[in-house]
Amino acid sequence: GALGVDTLDPDVDGTTELGGLTAAMSALGLHGVPVTVSLSTMIAV
């Protein structure tokens, strides 16, 4: 419980603009799951 699954995801502020790691993941077609889950899966595989 020290960290959340969505630690690397952007804070919700009512905008649709994404940046940084989230934008990179979306560009790779990896949107739809938390960034930490995508990164963890990629590293493990």
ModelCIF file with pLDDT and N, C-alpha, C, O atoms, coordinates in Angstrom:
data_MODEL
#
_entry.id   MODEL 
#
_entity.id                         1 
_entity.type                       polymer 
_entity.pdbx_number_of_molecules   1 
#
_entity_poly.entity_id                      1 
_entity_poly.type                           'polypeptide(L)' 
_entity_poly.nstd_linkage                   no 
_entity_poly.nstd_monomer                   no 
_entity_poly.pdbx_seq_one_letter_code       GALGVDTLDPDVDGTTELGGLTAAMSALGLHGVPVTVSLSTMIAV 
_entity_poly.pdbx_seq_one_letter_code_can   GALGVDTLDPDVDGTTELGGLTAAMSALGLHGVPVTVSLSTMIAV 
_entity_poly.pdbx_strand_id                 A 
#
loop_
_entity_poly_seq.entity_id 
_entity_poly_seq.num 
_entity_poly_seq.mon_id 
_entity_poly_seq.hetero 
1 1  GLY n 
1 2  ALA n 
1 3  LEU n 
1 4  GLY n 
1 5  VAL n 
1 6  ASP n 
1 7  THR n 
1 8  LEU n 
1 9  ASP n 
1 10 PRO n 
1 11 ASP n 
1 12 VAL n 
1 13 ASP n 
1 14 GLY n 
1 15 THR n 
1 16 THR n 
1 17 GLU n 
1 18 LEU n 
1 19 GLY n 
1 20 GLY n 
1 21 LEU n 
1 22 THR n 
1 23 ALA n 
1 24 ALA n 
1 25 MET n 
1 26 SER n 
1 27 ALA n 
1 28 LEU n 
1 29 GLY n 
1 30 LEU n 
1 31 HIS n 
1 32 GLY n 
1 33 VAL n 
1 34 PRO n 
1 35 VAL n 
1 36 THR n 
1 37 VAL n 
1 38 SER n 
1 39 LEU n 
1 40 SER n 
1 41 THR n 
1 42 MET n 
1 43 ILE n 
1 44 ALA n 
1 45 VAL n 
#
_struct_asym.id          A 
_struct_asym.entity_id   1 
#
loop_
_ma_qa_metric.id 
_ma_qa_metric.mode 
_ma_qa_metric.name 
_ma_qa_metric.software_group_id 
_ma_qa_metric.type 
1 global pLDDT . pLDDT 
2 local  pLDDT . pLDDT 
#
_ma_qa_metric_global.metric_id      1 
_ma_qa_metric_global.metric_value   70.00 
_ma_qa_metric_global.model_id       1 
_ma_qa_metric_global.ordinal_id     1 
#
loop_
_ma_qa_metric_local.label_asym_id 
_ma_qa_metric_local.label_comp_id 
_ma_qa_metric_local.label_seq_id 
_ma_qa_metric_local.metric_id 
_ma_qa_metric_local.metric_value 
_ma_qa_metric_local.model_id 
_ma_qa_metric_local.ordinal_id 
A GLY 1  2 76.00 1 1  
A ALA 2  2 78.00 1 2  
A LEU 3  2 73.00 1 3  
A GLY 4  2 67.00 1 4  
A VAL 5  2 70.00 1 5  
A ASP 6  2 65.00 1 6  
A THR 7  2 65.00 1 7  
A LEU 8  2 67.00 1 8  
A ASP 9  2 61.00 1 9  
A PRO 10 2 54.00 1 10 
A ASP 11 2 46.00 1 11 
A VAL 12 2 42.00 1 12 
A ASP 13 2 42.00 1 13 
A GLY 14 2 40.00 1 14 
A THR 15 2 39.00 1 15 
A THR 16 2 37.00 1 16 
A GLU 17 2 39.00 1 17 
A LEU 18 2 41.00 1 18 
A GLY 19 2 47.00 1 19 
A GLY 20 2 60.00 1 20 
A LEU 21 2 68.00 1 21 
A THR 22 2 69.00 1 22 
A ALA 23 2 70.00 1 23 
A ALA 24 2 75.00 1 24 
A MET 25 2 75.00 1 25 
A SER 26 2 73.00 1 26 
A ALA 27 2 76.00 1 27 
A LEU 28 2 78.00 1 28 
A GLY 29 2 76.00 1 29 
A LEU 30 2 78.00 1 30 
A HIS 31 2 73.00 1 31 
A GLY 32 2 72.00 1 32 
A VAL 33 2 79.00 1 33 
A PRO 34 2 81.00 1 34 
A VAL 35 2 84.00 1 35 
A THR 36 2 86.00 1 36 
A VAL 37 2 88.00 1 37 
A SER 38 2 89.00 1 38 
A LEU 39 2 89.00 1 39 
A SER 40 2 92.00 1 40 
A THR 41 2 93.00 1 41 
A MET 42 2 93.00 1 42 
A ILE 43 2 94.00 1 43 
A ALA 44 2 95.00 1 44 
A VAL 45 2 95.00 1 45 
#
loop_
_atom_site.group_PDB 
_atom_site.id 
_atom_site.type_symbol 
_atom_site.label_atom_id 
_atom_site.label_alt_id 
_atom_site.label_comp_id 
_atom_site.label_asym_id 
_atom_site.label_entity_id 
_atom_site.label_seq_id 
_atom_site.pdbx_PDB_ins_code 
_atom_site.Cartn_x 
_atom_site.Cartn_y 
_atom_site.Cartn_z 
_atom_site.occupancy 
_atom_site.B_iso_or_equiv 
_atom_site.pdbx_formal_charge 
_atom_site.auth_seq_id 
_atom_site.auth_comp_id 
_atom_site.auth_asym_id 
_atom_site.auth_atom_id 
_atom_site.pdbx_PDB_model_num 
ATOM 1   N N  . GLY A 1 1  ? 0.777   -1.233  0.000   1.00 76.00 ? 1  GLY A N  1 
ATOM 2   C CA . GLY A 1 1  ? 0.000   0.000   0.000   1.00 76.00 ? 1  GLY A CA 1 
ATOM 3   C C  . GLY A 1 1  ? 0.806   1.279   0.000   1.00 76.00 ? 1  GLY A C  1 
ATOM 4   O O  . GLY A 1 1  ? 0.241   2.362   0.157   1.00 76.00 ? 1  GLY A O  1 
ATOM 5   N N  . ALA A 1 2  ? 2.127   1.181   -0.174  1.00 78.00 ? 2  ALA A N  1 
ATOM 6   C CA . ALA A 1 2  ? 2.959   2.385   -0.163  1.00 78.00 ? 2  ALA A CA 1 
ATOM 7   C C  . ALA A 1 2  ? 2.859   3.163   -1.463  1.00 78.00 ? 2  ALA A C  1 
ATOM 8   O O  . ALA A 1 2  ? 3.068   4.376   -1.474  1.00 78.00 ? 2  ALA A O  1 
ATOM 9   N N  . LEU A 1 3  ? 2.543   2.485   -2.556  1.00 73.00 ? 3  LEU A N  1 
ATOM 10  C CA . LEU A 1 3  ? 2.394   3.131   -3.859  1.00 73.00 ? 3  LEU A CA 1 
ATOM 11  C C  . LEU A 1 3  ? 1.112   2.642   -4.512  1.00 73.00 ? 3  LEU A C  1 
ATOM 12  O O  . LEU A 1 3  ? 0.568   1.604   -4.135  1.00 73.00 ? 3  LEU A O  1 
ATOM 13  N N  . GLY A 1 4  ? 0.627   3.408   -5.509  1.00 67.00 ? 4  GLY A N  1 
ATOM 14  C CA . GLY A 1 4  ? -0.567  3.021   -6.243  1.00 67.00 ? 4  GLY A CA 1 
ATOM 15  C C  . GLY A 1 4  ? -0.211  2.444   -7.596  1.00 67.00 ? 4  GLY A C  1 
ATOM 16  O O  . GLY A 1 4  ? 0.873   2.692   -8.124  1.00 67.00 ? 4  GLY A O  1 
ATOM 17  N N  . VAL A 1 5  ? -1.126  1.676   -8.151  1.00 70.00 ? 5  VAL A N  1 
ATOM 18  C CA . VAL A 1 5  ? -0.890  1.074   -9.463  1.00 70.00 ? 5  VAL A CA 1 
ATOM 19  C C  . VAL A 1 5  ? -0.740  2.141   -10.533 1.00 70.00 ? 5  VAL A C  1 
ATOM 20  O O  . VAL A 1 5  ? -0.035  1.943   -11.522 1.00 70.00 ? 5  VAL A O  1 
ATOM 21  N N  . ASP A 1 6  ? -1.411  3.289   -10.331 1.00 65.00 ? 6  ASP A N  1 
ATOM 22  C CA . ASP A 1 6  ? -1.390  4.357   -11.330 1.00 65.00 ? 6  ASP A CA 1 
ATOM 23  C C  . ASP A 1 6  ? -0.375  5.448   -10.990 1.00 65.00 ? 6  ASP A C  1 
ATOM 24  O O  . ASP A 1 6  ? -0.575  6.616   -11.323 1.00 65.00 ? 6  ASP A O  1 
ATOM 25  N N  . THR A 1 7  ? 0.713   5.061   -10.326 1.00 65.00 ? 7  THR A N  1 
ATOM 26  C CA . THR A 1 7  ? 1.706   6.044   -9.882  1.00 65.00 ? 7  THR A CA 1 
ATOM 27  C C  . THR A 1 7  ? 2.248   6.882   -11.032 1.00 65.00 ? 7  THR A C  1 
ATOM 28  O O  . THR A 1 7  ? 2.440   8.088   -10.874 1.00 65.00 ? 7  THR A O  1 
ATOM 29  N N  . LEU A 1 8  ? 2.497   6.272   -12.179 1.00 67.00 ? 8  LEU A N  1 
ATOM 30  C CA . LEU A 1 8  ? 3.094   6.979   -13.319 1.00 67.00 ? 8  LEU A CA 1 
ATOM 31  C C  . LEU A 1 8  ? 2.062   7.589   -14.253 1.00 67.00 ? 8  LEU A C  1 
ATOM 32  O O  . LEU A 1 8  ? 2.426   8.250   -15.226 1.00 67.00 ? 8  LEU A O  1 
ATOM 33  N N  . ASP A 1 9  ? 0.790   7.380   -13.978 1.00 61.00 ? 9  ASP A N  1 
ATOM 34  C CA . ASP A 1 9  ? -0.245  7.963   -14.815 1.00 61.00 ? 9  ASP A CA 1 
ATOM 35  C C  . ASP A 1 9  ? -0.465  9.418   -14.427 1.00 61.00 ? 9  ASP A C  1 
ATOM 36  O O  . ASP A 1 9  ? -0.237  9.794   -13.278 1.00 61.00 ? 9  ASP A O  1 
ATOM 37  N N  . PRO A 1 10 ? -0.917  10.258  -15.400 1.00 54.00 ? 10 PRO A N  1 
ATOM 38  C CA . PRO A 1 10 ? -1.115  11.675  -15.088 1.00 54.00 ? 10 PRO A CA 1 
ATOM 39  C C  . PRO A 1 10 ? -2.277  11.896  -14.151 1.00 54.00 ? 10 PRO A C  1 
ATOM 40  O O  . PRO A 1 10 ? -3.236  11.125  -14.153 1.00 54.00 ? 10 PRO A O  1 
ATOM 41  N N  . ASP A 1 11 ? -2.200  12.958  -13.336 1.00 46.00 ? 11 ASP A N  1 
ATOM 42  C CA . ASP A 1 11 ? -3.324  13.313  -12.473 1.00 46.00 ? 11 ASP A CA 1 
ATOM 43  C C  . ASP A 1 11 ? -4.491  13.761  -13.320 1.00 46.00 ? 11 ASP A C  1 
ATOM 44  O O  . ASP A 1 11 ? -4.311  14.399  -14.357 1.00 46.00 ? 11 ASP A O  1 
ATOM 45  N N  . VAL A 1 12 ? -5.695  13.424  -12.873 1.00 42.00 ? 12 VAL A N  1 
ATOM 46  C CA . VAL A 1 12 ? -6.887  13.834  -13.597 1.00 42.00 ? 12 VAL A CA 1 
ATOM 47  C C  . VAL A 1 12 ? -7.153  15.300  -13.324 1.00 42.00 ? 12 VAL A C  1 
ATOM 48  O O  . VAL A 1 12 ? -7.350  15.686  -12.172 1.00 42.00 ? 12 VAL A O  1 
ATOM 49  N N  . ASP A 1 13 ? -7.162  16.113  -14.348 1.00 42.00 ? 13 ASP A N  1 
ATOM 50  C CA . ASP A 1 13 ? -7.407  17.540  -14.150 1.00 42.00 ? 13 ASP A CA 1 
ATOM 51  C C  . ASP A 1 13 ? -8.451  18.095  -15.087 1.00 42.00 ? 13 ASP A C  1 
ATOM 52  O O  . ASP A 1 13 ? -8.600  19.307  -15.241 1.00 42.00 ? 13 ASP A O  1 
ATOM 53  N N  . GLY A 1 14 ? -9.191  17.156  -15.727 1.00 40.00 ? 14 GLY A N  1 
ATOM 54  C CA . GLY A 1 14 ? -10.252 17.595  -16.612 1.00 40.00 ? 14 GLY A CA 1 
ATOM 55  C C  . GLY A 1 14 ? -9.798  17.870  -18.030 1.00 40.00 ? 14 GLY A C  1 
ATOM 56  O O  . GLY A 1 14 ? -10.610 18.261  -18.868 1.00 40.00 ? 14 GLY A O  1 
ATOM 57  N N  . THR A 1 15 ? -8.516  17.673  -18.320 1.00 39.00 ? 15 THR A N  1 
ATOM 58  C CA . THR A 1 15 ? -8.026  17.877  -19.671 1.00 39.00 ? 15 THR A CA 1 
ATOM 59  C C  . THR A 1 15 ? -7.740  16.537  -20.301 1.00 39.00 ? 15 THR A C  1 
ATOM 60  O O  . THR A 1 15 ? -7.640  15.526  -19.605 1.00 39.00 ? 15 THR A O  1 
ATOM 61  N N  . THR A 1 16 ? -7.607  16.518  -21.625 1.00 37.00 ? 16 THR A N  1 
ATOM 62  C CA . THR A 1 16 ? -7.327  15.286  -22.345 1.00 37.00 ? 16 THR A CA 1 
ATOM 63  C C  . THR A 1 16 ? -5.900  15.248  -22.842 1.00 37.00 ? 16 THR A C  1 
ATOM 64  O O  . THR A 1 16 ? -5.523  14.307  -23.539 1.00 37.00 ? 16 THR A O  1 
ATOM 65  N N  . GLU A 1 17 ? -5.091  16.245  -22.503 1.00 39.00 ? 17 GLU A N  1 
ATOM 66  C CA . GLU A 1 17 ? -3.718  16.302  -22.965 1.00 39.00 ? 17 GLU A CA 1 
ATOM 67  C C  . GLU A 1 17 ? -2.848  15.363  -22.148 1.00 39.00 ? 17 GLU A C  1 
ATOM 68  O O  . GLU A 1 17 ? -2.872  15.397  -20.918 1.00 39.00 ? 17 GLU A O  1 
ATOM 69  N N  . LEU A 1 18 ? -2.070  14.512  -22.843 1.00 41.00 ? 18 LEU A N  1 
ATOM 70  C CA . LEU A 1 18 ? -1.188  13.579  -22.178 1.00 41.00 ? 18 LEU A CA 1 
ATOM 71  C C  . LEU A 1 18 ? 0.248   13.987  -22.441 1.00 41.00 ? 18 LEU A C  1 
ATOM 72  O O  . LEU A 1 18 ? 0.543   14.618  -23.456 1.00 41.00 ? 18 LEU A O  1 
ATOM 73  N N  . GLY A 1 19 ? 1.121   13.639  -21.555 1.00 47.00 ? 19 GLY A N  1 
ATOM 74  C CA . GLY A 1 19 ? 2.506   13.998  -21.756 1.00 47.00 ? 19 GLY A CA 1 
ATOM 75  C C  . GLY A 1 19 ? 3.429   12.942  -21.218 1.00 47.00 ? 19 GLY A C  1 
ATOM 76  O O  . GLY A 1 19 ? 2.993   12.023  -20.523 1.00 47.00 ? 19 GLY A O  1 
ATOM 77  N N  . GLY A 1 20 ? 4.721   13.064  -21.535 1.00 60.00 ? 20 GLY A N  1 
ATOM 78  C CA . GLY A 1 20 ? 5.727   12.185  -21.009 1.00 60.00 ? 20 GLY A CA 1 
ATOM 79  C C  . GLY A 1 20 ? 5.518   10.730  -21.356 1.00 60.00 ? 20 GLY A C  1 
ATOM 80  O O  . GLY A 1 20 ? 5.231   10.375  -22.499 1.00 60.00 ? 20 GLY A O  1 
ATOM 81  N N  . LEU A 1 21 ? 5.670   9.879   -20.326 1.00 68.00 ? 21 LEU A N  1 
ATOM 82  C CA . LEU A 1 21 ? 5.612   8.436   -20.505 1.00 68.00 ? 21 LEU A CA 1 
ATOM 83  C C  . LEU A 1 21 ? 4.251   7.969   -20.992 1.00 68.00 ? 21 LEU A C  1 
ATOM 84  O O  . LEU A 1 21 ? 4.167   7.050   -21.806 1.00 68.00 ? 21 LEU A O  1 
ATOM 85  N N  . THR A 1 22 ? 3.184   8.591   -20.503 1.00 69.00 ? 22 THR A N  1 
ATOM 86  C CA . THR A 1 22 ? 1.839   8.198   -20.917 1.00 69.00 ? 22 THR A CA 1 
ATOM 87  C C  . THR A 1 22 ? 1.637   8.428   -22.402 1.00 69.00 ? 22 THR A C  1 
ATOM 88  O O  . THR A 1 22 ? 1.051   7.589   -23.087 1.00 69.00 ? 22 THR A O  1 
ATOM 89  N N  . ALA A 1 23 ? 2.119   9.565   -22.909 1.00 70.00 ? 23 ALA A N  1 
ATOM 90  C CA . ALA A 1 23 ? 1.998   9.855   -24.330 1.00 70.00 ? 23 ALA A CA 1 
ATOM 91  C C  . ALA A 1 23 ? 2.802   8.862   -25.160 1.00 70.00 ? 23 ALA A C  1 
ATOM 92  O O  . ALA A 1 23 ? 2.359   8.429   -26.224 1.00 70.00 ? 23 ALA A O  1 
ATOM 93  N N  . ALA A 1 24 ? 3.992   8.504   -24.667 1.00 75.00 ? 24 ALA A N  1 
ATOM 94  C CA . ALA A 1 24 ? 4.830   7.541   -25.385 1.00 75.00 ? 24 ALA A CA 1 
ATOM 95  C C  . ALA A 1 24 ? 4.149   6.180   -25.464 1.00 75.00 ? 24 ALA A C  1 
ATOM 96  O O  . ALA A 1 24 ? 4.160   5.531   -26.510 1.00 75.00 ? 24 ALA A O  1 
ATOM 97  N N  . MET A 1 25 ? 3.560   5.754   -24.354 1.00 75.00 ? 25 MET A N  1 
ATOM 98  C CA . MET A 1 25 ? 2.861   4.468   -24.342 1.00 75.00 ? 25 MET A CA 1 
ATOM 99  C C  . MET A 1 25 ? 1.660   4.480   -25.281 1.00 75.00 ? 25 MET A C  1 
ATOM 100 O O  . MET A 1 25 ? 1.403   3.503   -25.985 1.00 75.00 ? 25 MET A O  1 
ATOM 101 N N  . SER A 1 26 ? 0.934   5.585   -25.288 1.00 73.00 ? 26 SER A N  1 
ATOM 102 C CA . SER A 1 26 ? -0.218  5.699   -26.182 1.00 73.00 ? 26 SER A CA 1 
ATOM 103 C C  . SER A 1 26 ? 0.218   5.649   -27.631 1.00 73.00 ? 26 SER A C  1 
ATOM 104 O O  . SER A 1 26 ? -0.453  5.043   -28.467 1.00 73.00 ? 26 SER A O  1 
ATOM 105 N N  . ALA A 1 27 ? 1.349   6.289   -27.935 1.00 76.00 ? 27 ALA A N  1 
ATOM 106 C CA . ALA A 1 27 ? 1.862   6.284   -29.301 1.00 76.00 ? 27 ALA A CA 1 
ATOM 107 C C  . ALA A 1 27 ? 2.241   4.874   -29.748 1.00 76.00 ? 27 ALA A C  1 
ATOM 108 O O  . ALA A 1 27 ? 2.186   4.563   -30.938 1.00 76.00 ? 27 ALA A O  1 
ATOM 109 N N  . LEU A 1 28 ? 2.623   4.026   -28.801 1.00 78.00 ? 28 LEU A N  1 
ATOM 110 C CA . LEU A 1 28 ? 2.982   2.641   -29.116 1.00 78.00 ? 28 LEU A CA 1 
ATOM 111 C C  . LEU A 1 28 ? 1.774   1.721   -29.122 1.00 78.00 ? 28 LEU A C  1 
ATOM 112 O O  . LEU A 1 28 ? 1.911   0.511   -29.305 1.00 78.00 ? 28 LEU A O  1 
ATOM 113 N N  . GLY A 1 29 ? 0.587   2.290   -28.921 1.00 76.00 ? 29 GLY A N  1 
ATOM 114 C CA . GLY A 1 29 ? -0.629  1.480   -28.921 1.00 76.00 ? 29 GLY A CA 1 
ATOM 115 C C  . GLY A 1 29 ? -0.864  0.762   -27.615 1.00 76.00 ? 29 GLY A C  1 
ATOM 116 O O  . GLY A 1 29 ? -1.577  -0.241  -27.582 1.00 76.00 ? 29 GLY A O  1 
ATOM 117 N N  . LEU A 1 30 ? -0.273  1.257   -26.522 1.00 78.00 ? 30 LEU A N  1 
ATOM 118 C CA . LEU A 1 30 ? -0.368  0.587   -25.230 1.00 78.00 ? 30 LEU A CA 1 
ATOM 119 C C  . LEU A 1 30 ? -1.285  1.315   -24.258 1.00 78.00 ? 30 LEU A C  1 
ATOM 120 O O  . LEU A 1 30 ? -1.186  1.119   -23.046 1.00 78.00 ? 30 LEU A O  1 
ATOM 121 N N  . HIS A 1 31 ? -2.181  2.158   -24.781 1.00 73.00 ? 31 HIS A N  1 
ATOM 122 C CA . HIS A 1 31 ? -3.123  2.835   -23.904 1.00 73.00 ? 31 HIS A CA 1 
ATOM 123 C C  . HIS A 1 31 ? -4.226  1.869   -23.493 1.00 73.00 ? 31 HIS A C  1 
ATOM 124 O O  . HIS A 1 31 ? -4.451  0.850   -24.147 1.00 73.00 ? 31 HIS A O  1 
ATOM 125 N N  . GLY A 1 32 ? -4.897  2.193   -22.424 1.00 72.00 ? 32 GLY A N  1 
ATOM 126 C CA . GLY A 1 32 ? -5.992  1.338   -21.947 1.00 72.00 ? 32 GLY A CA 1 
ATOM 127 C C  . GLY A 1 32 ? -5.665  0.625   -20.653 1.00 72.00 ? 32 GLY A C  1 
ATOM 128 O O  . GLY A 1 32 ? -6.564  0.132   -19.972 1.00 72.00 ? 32 GLY A O  1 
ATOM 129 N N  . VAL A 1 33 ? -4.384  0.564   -20.301 1.00 79.00 ? 33 VAL A N  1 
ATOM 130 C CA . VAL A 1 33 ? -3.960  -0.034  -19.033 1.00 79.00 ? 33 VAL A CA 1 
ATOM 131 C C  . VAL A 1 33 ? -3.002  0.934   -18.356 1.00 79.00 ? 33 VAL A C  1 
ATOM 132 O O  . VAL A 1 33 ? -2.379  1.751   -19.034 1.00 79.00 ? 33 VAL A O  1 
ATOM 133 N N  . PRO A 1 34 ? -2.868  0.861   -17.021 1.00 81.00 ? 34 PRO A N  1 
ATOM 134 C CA . PRO A 1 34 ? -1.932  1.761   -16.329 1.00 81.00 ? 34 PRO A CA 1 
ATOM 135 C C  . PRO A 1 34 ? -0.521  1.651   -16.889 1.00 81.00 ? 34 PRO A C  1 
ATOM 136 O O  . PRO A 1 34 ? -0.090  0.573   -17.297 1.00 81.00 ? 34 PRO A O  1 
ATOM 137 N N  . VAL A 1 35 ? 0.194   2.767   -16.908 1.00 84.00 ? 35 VAL A N  1 
ATOM 138 C CA . VAL A 1 35 ? 1.558   2.784   -17.447 1.00 84.00 ? 35 VAL A CA 1 
ATOM 139 C C  . VAL A 1 35 ? 2.450   1.786   -16.716 1.00 84.00 ? 35 VAL A C  1 
ATOM 140 O O  . VAL A 1 35 ? 3.274   1.114   -17.335 1.00 84.00 ? 35 VAL A O  1 
ATOM 141 N N  . THR A 1 36 ? 2.284   1.691   -15.404 1.00 86.00 ? 36 THR A N  1 
ATOM 142 C CA . THR A 1 36 ? 3.122   0.773   -14.639 1.00 86.00 ? 36 THR A CA 1 
ATOM 143 C C  . THR A 1 36 ? 2.897   -0.682  -15.047 1.00 86.00 ? 36 THR A C  1 
ATOM 144 O O  . THR A 1 36 ? 3.837   -1.478  -15.054 1.00 86.00 ? 36 THR A O  1 
ATOM 145 N N  . VAL A 1 37 ? 1.663   -1.030  -15.384 1.00 88.00 ? 37 VAL A N  1 
ATOM 146 C CA . VAL A 1 37 ? 1.372   -2.396  -15.826 1.00 88.00 ? 37 VAL A CA 1 
ATOM 147 C C  . VAL A 1 37 ? 2.018   -2.653  -17.181 1.00 88.00 ? 37 VAL A C  1 
ATOM 148 O O  . VAL A 1 37 ? 2.612   -3.710  -17.392 1.00 88.00 ? 37 VAL A O  1 
ATOM 149 N N  . SER A 1 38 ? 1.910   -1.701  -18.098 1.00 89.00 ? 38 SER A N  1 
ATOM 150 C CA . SER A 1 38 ? 2.519   -1.848  -19.418 1.00 89.00 ? 38 SER A CA 1 
ATOM 151 C C  . SER A 1 38 ? 4.031   -1.992  -19.318 1.00 89.00 ? 38 SER A C  1 
ATOM 152 O O  . SER A 1 38 ? 4.619   -2.880  -19.936 1.00 89.00 ? 38 SER A O  1 
ATOM 153 N N  . LEU A 1 39 ? 4.658   -1.115  -18.535 1.00 89.00 ? 39 LEU A N  1 
ATOM 154 C CA . LEU A 1 39 ? 6.115   -1.172  -18.381 1.00 89.00 ? 39 LEU A CA 1 
ATOM 155 C C  . LEU A 1 39 ? 6.560   -2.481  -17.733 1.00 89.00 ? 39 LEU A C  1 
ATOM 156 O O  . LEU A 1 39 ? 7.538   -3.095  -18.160 1.00 89.00 ? 39 LEU A O  1 
ATOM 157 N N  . SER A 1 40 ? 5.836   -2.896  -16.705 1.00 92.00 ? 40 SER A N  1 
ATOM 158 C CA . SER A 1 40 ? 6.198   -4.129  -16.014 1.00 92.00 ? 40 SER A CA 1 
ATOM 159 C C  . SER A 1 40 ? 6.101   -5.329  -16.946 1.00 92.00 ? 40 SER A C  1 
ATOM 160 O O  . SER A 1 40 ? 6.968   -6.203  -16.939 1.00 92.00 ? 40 SER A O  1 
ATOM 161 N N  . THR A 1 41 ? 5.049   -5.362  -17.741 1.00 93.00 ? 41 THR A N  1 
ATOM 162 C CA . THR A 1 41 ? 4.877   -6.471  -18.678 1.00 93.00 ? 41 THR A CA 1 
ATOM 163 C C  . THR A 1 41 ? 5.973   -6.472  -19.733 1.00 93.00 ? 41 THR A C  1 
ATOM 164 O O  . THR A 1 41 ? 6.540   -7.519  -20.047 1.00 93.00 ? 41 THR A O  1 
ATOM 165 N N  . MET A 1 42 ? 6.271   -5.299  -20.279 1.00 93.00 ? 42 MET A N  1 
ATOM 166 C CA . MET A 1 42 ? 7.316   -5.202  -21.298 1.00 93.00 ? 42 MET A CA 1 
ATOM 167 C C  . MET A 1 42 ? 8.669   -5.645  -20.751 1.00 93.00 ? 42 MET A C  1 
ATOM 168 O O  . MET A 1 42 ? 9.397   -6.382  -21.415 1.00 93.00 ? 42 MET A O  1 
ATOM 169 N N  . ILE A 1 43 ? 9.005   -5.197  -19.545 1.00 94.00 ? 43 ILE A N  1 
ATOM 170 C CA . ILE A 1 43 ? 10.294  -5.562  -18.956 1.00 94.00 ? 43 ILE A CA 1 
ATOM 171 C C  . ILE A 1 43 ? 10.371  -7.054  -18.677 1.00 94.00 ? 43 ILE A C  1 
ATOM 172 O O  . ILE A 1 43 ? 11.396  -7.684  -18.937 1.00 94.00 ? 43 ILE A O  1 
ATOM 173 N N  . ALA A 1 44 ? 9.285   -7.626  -18.143 1.00 95.00 ? 44 ALA A N  1 
ATOM 174 C CA . ALA A 1 44 ? 9.279   -9.057  -17.835 1.00 95.00 ? 44 ALA A CA 1 
ATOM 175 C C  . ALA A 1 44 ? 9.413   -9.902  -19.097 1.00 95.00 ? 44 ALA A C  1 
ATOM 176 O O  . ALA A 1 44 ? 10.181  -10.864 -19.117 1.00 95.00 ? 44 ALA A O  1 
ATOM 177 N N  . VAL A 1 45 ? 8.682   -9.557  -20.138 1.00 95.00 ? 45 VAL A N  1 
ATOM 178 C CA . VAL A 1 45 ? 8.743   -10.312 -21.391 1.00 95.00 ? 45 VAL A CA 1 
ATOM 179 C C  . VAL A 1 45 ? 10.116  -10.158 -22.041 1.00 95.00 ? 45 VAL A C  1 
ATOM 180 O O  . VAL A 1 45 ? 10.360  -10.723 -23.108 1.00 95.00 ? 45 VAL A O  1 
#
